[in-house]
Amino acid sequence: MCIRDSLFIIIGKLFICTLTVLCGYMIITRSETFKTKITSPIGPSICFAIVAYVIGAIYMAVYGVASEAILQCYLVEEEHGSVEKCPEEMRDFVENNAKK
């Protein structure tokens, strides 16, 4: 995996975690039900962050495997020079850049 893919996966994990914690924090601090029962939103926010990071890591791992599989399929098509299974949008590109 290249640096760009790794960076995208890290940003994805942080984005998922940050949005989940922000939404949970807003619900805890703005909802009348939780305002009276919770004295500090820090503890639940830490729990939100841990769960969100695990879910984000799993989701981005699936994304990483899928992107590597697509790249591998493209490289096999390019190496063999065949375009029968290639989408129309990529057909010209593969034909022009295939190893001869």
PDB file of N, CA and C in Angstrom:
ATOM      1  N   MET A   1       0.841  -1.167   0.000  1.00  0.00           N
ATOM      2  CA  MET A   1       0.000   0.000   0.000  1.00  0.00           C
ATOM      3  C   MET A   1       0.889   1.235   0.000  1.00  0.00           C
ATOM      4  N   CYS A   2       0.509   2.209  -0.777  1.00  0.00           N
ATOM      5  CA  CYS A   2       1.342   3.405  -0.870  1.00  0.00           C
ATOM      6  C   CYS A   2       0.977   4.404   0.235  1.00  0.00           C
ATOM      7  N   ILE A   3       1.759   5.434   0.318  1.00  0.00           N
ATOM      8  CA  ILE A   3       1.575   6.455   1.356  1.00  0.00           C
ATOM      9  C   ILE A   3       0.210   7.114   1.240  1.00  0.00           C
ATOM     10  N   ARG A   4      -0.225   7.354   0.008  1.00  0.00           N
ATOM     11  CA  ARG A   4      -1.514   8.023  -0.198  1.00  0.00           C
ATOM     12  C   ARG A   4      -2.665   7.185   0.358  1.00  0.00           C
ATOM     13  N   ASP A   5      -2.637   5.878   0.113  1.00  0.00           N
ATOM     14  CA  ASP A   5      -3.684   5.005   0.632  1.00  0.00           C
ATOM     15  C   ASP A   5      -3.662   4.956   2.157  1.00  0.00           C
ATOM     16  N   SER A   6      -2.469   4.863   2.729  1.00  0.00           N
ATOM     17  CA  SER A   6      -2.347   4.840   4.189  1.00  0.00           C
ATOM     18  C   SER A   6      -2.854   6.141   4.804  1.00  0.00           C
ATOM     19  N   LEU A   7      -2.517   7.243   4.171  1.00  0.00           N
ATOM     20  CA  LEU A   7      -2.975   8.538   4.660  1.00  0.00           C
ATOM     21  C   LEU A   7      -4.490   8.648   4.578  1.00  0.00           C
ATOM     22  N   PHE A   8      -5.072   8.173   3.479  1.00  0.00           N
ATOM     23  CA  PHE A   8      -6.521   8.207   3.319  1.00  0.00           C
ATOM     24  C   PHE A   8      -7.210   7.351   4.377  1.00  0.00           C
ATOM     25  N   ILE A   9      -6.639   6.199   4.690  1.00  0.00           N
ATOM     26  CA  ILE A   9      -7.224   5.319   5.702  1.00  0.00           C
ATOM     27  C   ILE A   9      -7.136   5.960   7.087  1.00  0.00           C
ATOM     28  N   ILE A  10      -6.017   6.594   7.408  1.00  0.00           N
ATOM     29  CA  ILE A  10      -5.877   7.279   8.705  1.00  0.00           C
ATOM     30  C   ILE A  10      -6.864   8.429   8.806  1.00  0.00           C
ATOM     31  N   ILE A  11      -6.989   9.212   7.737  1.00  0.00           N
ATOM     32  CA  ILE A  11      -7.946  10.331   7.747  1.00  0.00           C
ATOM     33  C   ILE A  11      -9.370   9.805   7.887  1.00  0.00           C
ATOM     34  N   GLY A  12      -9.675   8.690   7.231  1.00  0.00           N
ATOM     35  CA  GLY A  12     -11.004   8.090   7.348  1.00  0.00           C
ATOM     36  C   GLY A  12     -11.324   7.659   8.767  1.00  0.00           C
ATOM     37  N   LYS A  13     -10.365   7.014   9.421  1.00  0.00           N
ATOM     38  CA  LYS A  13     -10.565   6.597  10.815  1.00  0.00           C
ATOM     39  C   LYS A  13     -10.791   7.807  11.716  1.00  0.00           C
ATOM     40  N   LEU A  14      -9.958   8.826  11.553  1.00  0.00           N
ATOM     41  CA  LEU A  14     -10.099  10.027  12.385  1.00  0.00           C
ATOM     42  C   LEU A  14     -11.412  10.758  12.114  1.00  0.00           C
ATOM     43  N   PHE A  15     -11.834  10.798  10.865  1.00  0.00           N
ATOM     44  CA  PHE A  15     -13.088  11.456  10.504  1.00  0.00           C
ATOM     45  C   PHE A  15     -14.274  10.740  11.145  1.00  0.00           C
ATOM     46  N   ILE A  16     -14.304   9.412  11.038  1.00  0.00           N
ATOM     47  CA  ILE A  16     -15.384   8.625  11.645  1.00  0.00           C
ATOM     48  C   ILE A  16     -15.395   8.824  13.154  1.00  0.00           C
ATOM     49  N   CYS A  17     -14.235   8.754  13.769  1.00  0.00           N
ATOM     50  CA  CYS A  17     -14.131   8.900  15.222  1.00  0.00           C
ATOM     51  C   CYS A  17     -14.557  10.296  15.668  1.00  0.00           C
ATOM     52  N   THR A  18     -14.083  11.317  14.987  1.00  0.00           N
ATOM     53  CA  THR A  18     -14.384  12.693  15.372  1.00  0.00           C
ATOM     54  C   THR A  18     -15.872  12.994  15.239  1.00  0.00           C
ATOM     55  N   LEU A  19     -16.472  12.608  14.128  1.00  0.00           N
ATOM     56  CA  LEU A  19     -17.898  12.876  13.946  1.00  0.00           C
ATOM     57  C   LEU A  19     -18.756  12.124  14.963  1.00  0.00           C
ATOM     58  N   THR A  20     -18.378  10.893  15.271  1.00  0.00           N
ATOM     59  CA  THR A  20     -19.148  10.124  16.253  1.00  0.00           C
ATOM     60  C   THR A  20     -19.055  10.754  17.635  1.00  0.00           C
ATOM     61  N   VAL A  21     -17.859  11.134  18.038  1.00  0.00           N
ATOM     62  CA  VAL A  21     -17.688  11.770  19.350  1.00  0.00           C
ATOM     63  C   VAL A  21     -18.435  13.102  19.388  1.00  0.00           C
ATOM     64  N   LEU A  22     -18.357  13.875  18.327  1.00  0.00           N
ATOM     65  CA  LEU A  22     -19.047  15.163  18.282  1.00  0.00           C
ATOM     66  C   LEU A  22     -20.562  14.986  18.381  1.00  0.00           C
ATOM     67  N   CYS A  23     -21.105  14.035  17.640  1.00  0.00           N
ATOM     68  CA  CYS A  23     -22.548  13.783  17.712  1.00  0.00           C
ATOM     69  C   CYS A  23     -22.962  13.293  19.096  1.00  0.00           C
ATOM     70  N   GLY A  24     -22.190  12.365  19.657  1.00  0.00           N
ATOM     71  CA  GLY A  24     -22.497  11.875  20.999  1.00  0.00           C
ATOM     72  C   GLY A  24     -22.413  12.970  22.045  1.00  0.00           C
ATOM     73  N   TYR A  25     -21.387  13.813  21.936  1.00  0.00           N
ATOM     74  CA  TYR A  25     -21.238  14.932  22.871  1.00  0.00           C
ATOM     75  C   TYR A  25     -22.418  15.893  22.767  1.00  0.00           C
ATOM     76  N   MET A  26     -22.833  16.194  21.554  1.00  0.00           N
ATOM     77  CA  MET A  26     -23.962  17.107  21.362  1.00  0.00           C
ATOM     78  C   MET A  26     -25.248  16.512  21.933  1.00  0.00           C
ATOM     79  N   ILE A  27     -25.449  15.229  21.745  1.00  0.00           N
ATOM     80  CA  ILE A  27     -26.647  14.585  22.286  1.00  0.00           C
ATOM     81  C   ILE A  27     -26.623  14.621  23.810  1.00  0.00           C
ATOM     82  N   ILE A  28     -25.476  14.318  24.402  1.00  0.00           N
ATOM     83  CA  ILE A  28     -25.375  14.291  25.860  1.00  0.00           C
ATOM     84  C   ILE A  28     -25.574  15.681  26.461  1.00  0.00           C
ATOM     85  N   THR A  29     -24.985  16.692  25.861  1.00  0.00           N
ATOM     86  CA  THR A  29     -25.032  18.024  26.468  1.00  0.00           C
ATOM     87  C   THR A  29     -26.312  18.783  26.144  1.00  0.00           C
ATOM     88  N   ARG A  30     -27.004  18.440  25.087  1.00  0.00           N
ATOM     89  CA  ARG A  30     -28.191  19.207  24.686  1.00  0.00           C
ATOM     90  C   ARG A  30     -29.506  18.530  25.042  1.00  0.00           C
ATOM     91  N   SER A  31     -29.495  17.240  25.280  1.00  0.00           N
ATOM     92  CA  SER A  31     -30.716  16.508  25.595  1.00  0.00           C
ATOM     93  C   SER A  31     -31.044  16.654  27.075  1.00  0.00           C
ATOM     94  N   GLU A  32     -32.282  16.970  27.375  1.00  0.00           N
ATOM     95  CA  GLU A  32     -32.715  17.126  28.766  1.00  0.00           C
ATOM     96  C   GLU A  32     -32.620  15.806  29.539  1.00  0.00           C
ATOM     97  N   THR A  33     -32.818  14.714  28.861  1.00  0.00           N
ATOM     98  CA  THR A  33     -32.738  13.401  29.512  1.00  0.00           C
ATOM     99  C   THR A  33     -31.347  13.148  30.075  1.00  0.00           C
ATOM    100  N   PHE A  34     -30.320  13.464  29.318  1.00  0.00           N
ATOM    101  CA  PHE A  34     -28.951  13.190  29.744  1.00  0.00           C
ATOM    102  C   PHE A  34     -28.347  14.312  30.578  1.00  0.00           C
ATOM    103  N   LYS A  35     -28.852  15.530  30.442  1.00  0.00           N
ATOM    104  CA  LYS A  35     -28.296  16.659  31.202  1.00  0.00           C
ATOM    105  C   LYS A  35     -28.399  16.423  32.708  1.00  0.00           C
ATOM    106  N   THR A  36     -29.511  15.887  33.130  1.00  0.00           N
ATOM    107  CA  THR A  36     -29.722  15.700  34.571  1.00  0.00           C
ATOM    108  C   THR A  36     -29.060  14.424  35.092  1.00  0.00           C
ATOM    109  N   LYS A  37     -28.842  13.434  34.243  1.00  0.00           N
ATOM    110  CA  LYS A  37     -28.309  12.155  34.698  1.00  0.00           C
ATOM    111  C   LYS A  37     -26.789  12.064  34.611  1.00  0.00           C
ATOM    112  N   ILE A  38     -26.168  12.834  33.735  1.00  0.00           N
ATOM    113  CA  ILE A  38     -24.715  12.760  33.537  1.00  0.00           C
ATOM    114  C   ILE A  38     -24.083  14.056  34.020  1.00  0.00           C
ATOM    115  N   THR A  39     -23.114  13.919  34.921  1.00  0.00           N
ATOM    116  CA  THR A  39     -22.472  15.121  35.462  1.00  0.00           C
ATOM    117  C   THR A  39     -21.380  15.661  34.550  1.00  0.00           C
ATOM    118  N   SER A  40     -20.681  14.767  33.857  1.00  0.00           N
ATOM    119  CA  SER A  40     -19.606  15.194  32.960  1.00  0.00           C
ATOM    120  C   SER A  40     -19.688  14.399  31.656  1.00  0.00           C
ATOM    121  N   PRO A  41     -19.628  15.061  30.524  1.00  0.00           N
ATOM    122  CA  PRO A  41     -19.702  14.339  29.251  1.00  0.00           C
ATOM    123  C   PRO A  41     -18.364  13.732  28.806  1.00  0.00           C
ATOM    124  N   ILE A  42     -17.314  13.896  29.595  1.00  0.00           N
ATOM    125  CA  ILE A  42     -15.989  13.422  29.192  1.00  0.00           C
ATOM    126  C   ILE A  42     -15.927  11.889  29.173  1.00  0.00           C
ATOM    127  N   GLY A  43     -16.432  11.249  30.212  1.00  0.00           N
ATOM    128  CA  GLY A  43     -16.402   9.775  30.280  1.00  0.00           C
ATOM    129  C   GLY A  43     -17.133   9.116  29.124  1.00  0.00           C
ATOM    130  N   PRO A  44     -18.403   9.484  28.883  1.00  0.00           N
ATOM    131  CA  PRO A  44     -19.100   8.891  27.733  1.00  0.00           C
ATOM    132  C   PRO A  44     -18.440   9.233  26.393  1.00  0.00           C
ATOM    133  N   SER A  45     -17.868  10.428  26.288  1.00  0.00           N
ATOM    134  CA  SER A  45     -17.200  10.807  25.040  1.00  0.00           C
ATOM    135  C   SER A  45     -15.973   9.939  24.772  1.00  0.00           C
ATOM    136  N   ILE A  46     -15.252   9.577  25.814  1.00  0.00           N
ATOM    137  CA  ILE A  46     -14.107   8.675  25.663  1.00  0.00           C
ATOM    138  C   ILE A  46     -14.581   7.294  25.209  1.00  0.00           C
ATOM    139  N   CYS A  47     -15.689   6.823  25.781  1.00  0.00           N
ATOM    140  CA  CYS A  47     -16.262   5.542  25.347  1.00  0.00           C
ATOM    141  C   CYS A  47     -16.708   5.621  23.891  1.00  0.00           C
ATOM    142  N   PHE A  48     -17.349   6.731  23.501  1.00  0.00           N
ATOM    143  CA  PHE A  48     -17.739   6.925  22.105  1.00  0.00           C
ATOM    144  C   PHE A  48     -16.521   6.864  21.194  1.00  0.00           C
ATOM    145  N   ALA A  49     -15.436   7.509  21.628  1.00  0.00           N
ATOM    146  CA  ALA A  49     -14.221   7.560  20.812  1.00  0.00           C
ATOM    147  C   ALA A  49     -13.625   6.163  20.618  1.00  0.00           C
ATOM    148  N   ILE A  50     -13.590   5.370  21.664  1.00  0.00           N
ATOM    149  CA  ILE A  50     -13.016   4.024  21.568  1.00  0.00           C
ATOM    150  C   ILE A  50     -13.840   3.154  20.630  1.00  0.00           C
ATOM    151  N   VAL A  51     -15.154   3.155  20.827  1.00  0.00           N
ATOM    152  CA  VAL A  51     -16.029   2.338  19.979  1.00  0.00           C
ATOM    153  C   VAL A  51     -15.979   2.834  18.528  1.00  0.00           C
ATOM    154  N   ALA A  52     -16.009   4.144  18.333  1.00  0.00           N
ATOM    155  CA  ALA A  52     -15.979   4.702  16.978  1.00  0.00           C
ATOM    156  C   ALA A  52     -14.658   4.398  16.282  1.00  0.00           C
ATOM    157  N   TYR A  53     -13.554   4.428  17.017  1.00  0.00           N
ATOM    158  CA  TYR A  53     -12.262   4.123  16.400  1.00  0.00           C
ATOM    159  C   TYR A  53     -12.205   2.665  15.950  1.00  0.00           C
ATOM    160  N   VAL A  54     -12.720   1.772  16.769  1.00  0.00           N
ATOM    161  CA  VAL A  54     -12.729   0.350  16.397  1.00  0.00           C
ATOM    162  C   VAL A  54     -13.593   0.139  15.154  1.00  0.00           C
ATOM    163  N   ILE A  55     -14.782   0.732  15.142  1.00  0.00           N
ATOM    164  CA  ILE A  55     -15.663   0.591  13.984  1.00  0.00           C
ATOM    165  C   ILE A  55     -15.033   1.234  12.751  1.00  0.00           C
ATOM    166  N   GLY A  56     -14.435   2.405  12.913  1.00  0.00           N
ATOM    167  CA  GLY A  56     -13.765   3.068  11.797  1.00  0.00           C
ATOM    168  C   GLY A  56     -12.596   2.265  11.266  1.00  0.00           C
ATOM    169  N   ALA A  57     -11.836   1.644  12.166  1.00  0.00           N
ATOM    170  CA  ALA A  57     -10.695   0.829  11.745  1.00  0.00           C
ATOM    171  C   ALA A  57     -11.165  -0.386  10.951  1.00  0.00           C
ATOM    172  N   ILE A  58     -12.245  -1.011  11.394  1.00  0.00           N
ATOM    173  CA  ILE A  58     -12.780  -2.168  10.669  1.00  0.00           C
ATOM    174  C   ILE A  58     -13.294  -1.737   9.296  1.00  0.00           C
ATOM    175  N   TYR A  59     -14.035  -0.647   9.256  1.00  0.00           N
ATOM    176  CA  TYR A  59     -14.583  -0.162   7.988  1.00  0.00           C
ATOM    177  C   TYR A  59     -13.461   0.213   7.014  1.00  0.00           C
ATOM    178  N   MET A  60     -12.457   0.905   7.495  1.00  0.00           N
ATOM    179  CA  MET A  60     -11.366   1.330   6.613  1.00  0.00           C
ATOM    180  C   MET A  60     -10.467   0.152   6.212  1.00  0.00           C
ATOM    181  N   ALA A  61     -10.420  -0.898   7.032  1.00  0.00           N
ATOM    182  CA  ALA A  61      -9.686  -2.101   6.635  1.00  0.00           C
ATOM    183  C   ALA A  61     -10.376  -2.771   5.448  1.00  0.00           C
ATOM    184  N   VAL A  62     -11.696  -2.810   5.491  1.00  0.00           N
ATOM    185  CA  VAL A  62     -12.445  -3.356   4.352  1.00  0.00           C
ATOM    186  C   VAL A  62     -12.206  -2.497   3.114  1.00  0.00           C
ATOM    187  N   TYR A  63     -12.207  -1.187   3.279  1.00  0.00           N
ATOM    188  CA  TYR A  63     -11.921  -0.280   2.165  1.00  0.00           C
ATOM    189  C   TYR A  63     -10.523  -0.549   1.600  1.00  0.00           C
ATOM    190  N   GLY A  64      -9.538  -0.727   2.464  1.00  0.00           N
ATOM    191  CA  GLY A  64      -8.174  -0.977   2.019  1.00  0.00           C
ATOM    192  C   GLY A  64      -8.051  -2.264   1.229  1.00  0.00           C
ATOM    193  N   VAL A  65      -8.704  -3.314   1.688  1.00  0.00           N
ATOM    194  CA  VAL A  65      -8.665  -4.590   0.973  1.00  0.00           C
ATOM    195  C   VAL A  65      -9.344  -4.450  -0.395  1.00  0.00           C
ATOM    196  N   ALA A  66     -10.469  -3.760  -0.428  1.00  0.00           N
ATOM    197  CA  ALA A  66     -11.185  -3.581  -1.697  1.00  0.00           C
ATOM    198  C   ALA A  66     -10.361  -2.774  -2.697  1.00  0.00           C
ATOM    199  N   SER A  67      -9.713  -1.712  -2.238  1.00  0.00           N
ATOM    200  CA  SER A  67      -8.922  -0.905  -3.163  1.00  0.00           C
ATOM    201  C   SER A  67      -7.707  -1.672  -3.670  1.00  0.00           C
ATOM    202  N   GLU A  68      -7.091  -2.484  -2.825  1.00  0.00           N
ATOM    203  CA  GLU A  68      -5.963  -3.302  -3.274  1.00  0.00           C
ATOM    204  C   GLU A  68      -6.412  -4.378  -4.260  1.00  0.00           C
ATOM    205  N   ALA A  69      -7.593  -4.948  -4.054  1.00  0.00           N
ATOM    206  CA  ALA A  69      -8.115  -5.962  -4.978  1.00  0.00           C
ATOM    207  C   ALA A  69      -8.399  -5.350  -6.349  1.00  0.00           C
ATOM    208  N   ILE A  70      -8.965  -4.164  -6.361  1.00  0.00           N
ATOM    209  CA  ILE A  70      -9.234  -3.494  -7.635  1.00  0.00           C
ATOM    210  C   ILE A  70      -7.928  -3.191  -8.353  1.00  0.00           C
ATOM    211  N   LEU A  71      -6.941  -2.723  -7.621  1.00  0.00           N
ATOM    212  CA  LEU A  71      -5.640  -2.437  -8.224  1.00  0.00           C
ATOM    213  C   LEU A  71      -4.994  -3.717  -8.769  1.00  0.00           C
ATOM    214  N   GLN A  72      -5.086  -4.802  -8.034  1.00  0.00           N
ATOM    215  CA  GLN A  72      -4.525  -6.074  -8.488  1.00  0.00           C
ATOM    216  C   GLN A  72      -5.208  -6.547  -9.765  1.00  0.00           C
ATOM    217  N   CYS A  73      -6.521  -6.434  -9.836  1.00  0.00           N
ATOM    218  CA  CYS A  73      -7.240  -6.834 -11.050  1.00  0.00           C
ATOM    219  C   CYS A  73      -6.816  -5.983 -12.237  1.00  0.00           C
ATOM    220  N   TYR A  74      -6.641  -4.700 -12.013  1.00  0.00           N
ATOM    221  CA  TYR A  74      -6.189  -3.818 -13.086  1.00  0.00           C
ATOM    222  C   TYR A  74      -4.798  -4.209 -13.566  1.00  0.00           C
ATOM    223  N   LEU A  75      -3.906  -4.510 -12.645  1.00  0.00           N
ATOM    224  CA  LEU A  75      -2.539  -4.868 -13.028  1.00  0.00           C
ATOM    225  C   LEU A  75      -2.490  -6.183 -13.807  1.00  0.00           C
ATOM    226  N   VAL A  76      -3.335  -7.124 -13.456  1.00  0.00           N
ATOM    227  CA  VAL A  76      -3.387  -8.388 -14.205  1.00  0.00           C
ATOM    228  C   VAL A  76      -3.883  -8.132 -15.616  1.00  0.00           C
ATOM    229  N   GLU A  77      -4.928  -7.324 -15.747  1.00  0.00           N
ATOM    230  CA  GLU A  77      -5.445  -6.976 -17.074  1.00  0.00           C
ATOM    231  C   GLU A  77      -4.377  -6.267 -17.897  1.00  0.00           C
ATOM    232  N   GLU A  78      -3.649  -5.364 -17.273  1.00  0.00           N
ATOM    233  CA  GLU A  78      -2.621  -4.615 -17.986  1.00  0.00           C
ATOM    234  C   GLU A  78      -1.475  -5.536 -18.419  1.00  0.00           C
ATOM    235  N   GLU A  79      -1.087  -6.449 -17.553  1.00  0.00           N
ATOM    236  CA  GLU A  79       0.017  -7.354 -17.854  1.00  0.00           C
ATOM    237  C   GLU A  79      -0.312  -8.284 -19.011  1.00  0.00           C
ATOM    238  N   HIS A  80      -1.541  -8.780 -19.025  1.00  0.00           N
ATOM    239  CA  HIS A  80      -1.938  -9.706 -20.078  1.00  0.00           C
ATOM    240  C   HIS A  80      -2.371  -8.984 -21.352  1.00  0.00           C
ATOM    241  N   GLY A  81      -2.644  -7.709 -21.236  1.00  0.00           N
ATOM    242  CA  GLY A  81      -3.057  -6.940 -22.402  1.00  0.00           C
ATOM    243  C   GLY A  81      -4.467  -7.245 -22.865  1.00  0.00           C
ATOM    244  N   SER A  82      -5.209  -7.989 -22.085  1.00  0.00           N
ATOM    245  CA  SER A  82      -6.584  -8.308 -22.461  1.00  0.00           C
ATOM    246  C   SER A  82      -7.516  -7.242 -21.909  1.00  0.00           C
ATOM    247  N   VAL A  83      -8.527  -6.954 -22.676  1.00  0.00           N
ATOM    248  CA  VAL A  83      -9.473  -5.916 -22.256  1.00  0.00           C
ATOM    249  C   VAL A  83     -10.904  -6.430 -22.261  1.00  0.00           C
ATOM    250  N   GLU A  84     -11.075  -7.741 -22.322  1.00  0.00           N
ATOM    251  CA  GLU A  84     -12.431  -8.271 -22.407  1.00  0.00           C
ATOM    252  C   GLU A  84     -13.244  -8.054 -21.136  1.00  0.00           C
ATOM    253  N   LYS A  85     -12.606  -8.041 -19.986  1.00  0.00           N
ATOM    254  CA  LYS A  85     -13.327  -7.833 -18.725  1.00  0.00           C
ATOM    255  C   LYS A  85     -13.189  -6.412 -18.203  1.00  0.00           C
ATOM    256  N   CYS A  86     -12.541  -5.589 -18.972  1.00  0.00           N
ATOM    257  CA  CYS A  86     -12.273  -4.215 -18.554  1.00  0.00           C
ATOM    258  C   CYS A  86     -13.480  -3.325 -18.868  1.00  0.00           C
ATOM    259  N   PRO A  87     -13.845  -2.402 -17.980  1.00  0.00           N
ATOM    260  CA  PRO A  87     -14.946  -1.478 -18.279  1.00  0.00           C
ATOM    261  C   PRO A  87     -14.605  -0.607 -19.490  1.00  0.00           C
ATOM    262  N   GLU A  88     -15.626  -0.172 -20.172  1.00  0.00           N
ATOM    263  CA  GLU A  88     -15.446   0.642 -21.372  1.00  0.00           C
ATOM    264  C   GLU A  88     -14.604   1.888 -21.101  1.00  0.00           C
ATOM    265  N   GLU A  89     -14.785   2.493 -19.932  1.00  0.00           N
ATOM    266  CA  GLU A  89     -14.071   3.721 -19.601  1.00  0.00           C
ATOM    267  C   GLU A  89     -12.565   3.506 -19.521  1.00  0.00           C
ATOM    268  N   MET A  90     -12.136   2.303 -19.155  1.00  0.00           N
ATOM    269  CA  MET A  90     -10.708   2.023 -18.987  1.00  0.00           C
ATOM    270  C   MET A  90     -10.107   1.264 -20.164  1.00  0.00           C
ATOM    271  N   ARG A  91     -10.939   0.823 -21.077  1.00  0.00           N
ATOM    272  CA  ARG A  91     -10.472  -0.040 -22.160  1.00  0.00           C
ATOM    273  C   ARG A  91      -9.366   0.619 -22.995  1.00  0.00           C
ATOM    274  N   ASP A  92      -9.572   1.858 -23.405  1.00  0.00           N
ATOM    275  CA  ASP A  92      -8.560   2.553 -24.202  1.00  0.00           C
ATOM    276  C   ASP A  92      -7.267   2.729 -23.427  1.00  0.00           C
ATOM    277  N   PHE A  93      -7.387   3.055 -22.148  1.00  0.00           N
ATOM    278  CA  PHE A  93      -6.205   3.248 -21.317  1.00  0.00           C
ATOM    279  C   PHE A  93      -5.388   1.971 -21.208  1.00  0.00           C
ATOM    280  N   VAL A  94      -6.047   0.849 -20.985  1.00  0.00           N
ATOM    281  CA  VAL A  94      -5.341  -0.431 -20.846  1.00  0.00           C
ATOM    282  C   VAL A  94      -4.709  -0.830 -22.177  1.00  0.00           C
ATOM    283  N   GLU A  95      -5.425  -0.648 -23.278  1.00  0.00           N
ATOM    284  CA  GLU A  95      -4.889  -1.007 -24.592  1.00  0.00           C
ATOM    285  C   GLU A  95      -3.647  -0.172 -24.938  1.00  0.00           C
ATOM    286  N   ASN A  96      -3.674   1.106 -24.614  1.00  0.00           N
ATOM    287  CA  ASN A  96      -2.563   1.987 -24.961  1.00  0.00           C
ATOM    288  C   ASN A  96      -1.347   1.815 -24.053  1.00  0.00           C
ATOM    289  N   ASN A  97      -1.562   1.345 -22.821  1.00  0.00           N
ATOM    290  CA  ASN A  97      -0.475   1.261 -21.858  1.00  0.00           C
ATOM    291  C   ASN A  97      -0.074  -0.157 -21.494  1.00  0.00           C
ATOM    292  N   ALA A  98      -0.609  -1.143 -22.178  1.00  0.00           N
ATOM    293  CA  ALA A  98      -0.293  -2.538 -21.865  1.00  0.00           C
ATOM    294  C   ALA A  98       1.145  -2.849 -22.257  1.00  0.00           C
ATOM    295  N   LYS A  99       1.797  -3.711 -21.455  1.00  0.00           N
ATOM    296  CA  LYS A  99       3.162  -4.125 -21.772  1.00  0.00           C
ATOM    297  C   LYS A  99       3.115  -5.006 -23.020  1.00  0.00           C
ATOM    298  N   LYS A 100       4.022  -4.744 -23.917  1.00  0.00           N
ATOM    299  CA  LYS A 100       4.025  -5.501 -25.174  1.00  0.00           C
ATOM    300  C   LYS A 100       5.151  -6.492 -25.184  1.00  0.00           C
TER     301      LYS A 100
END
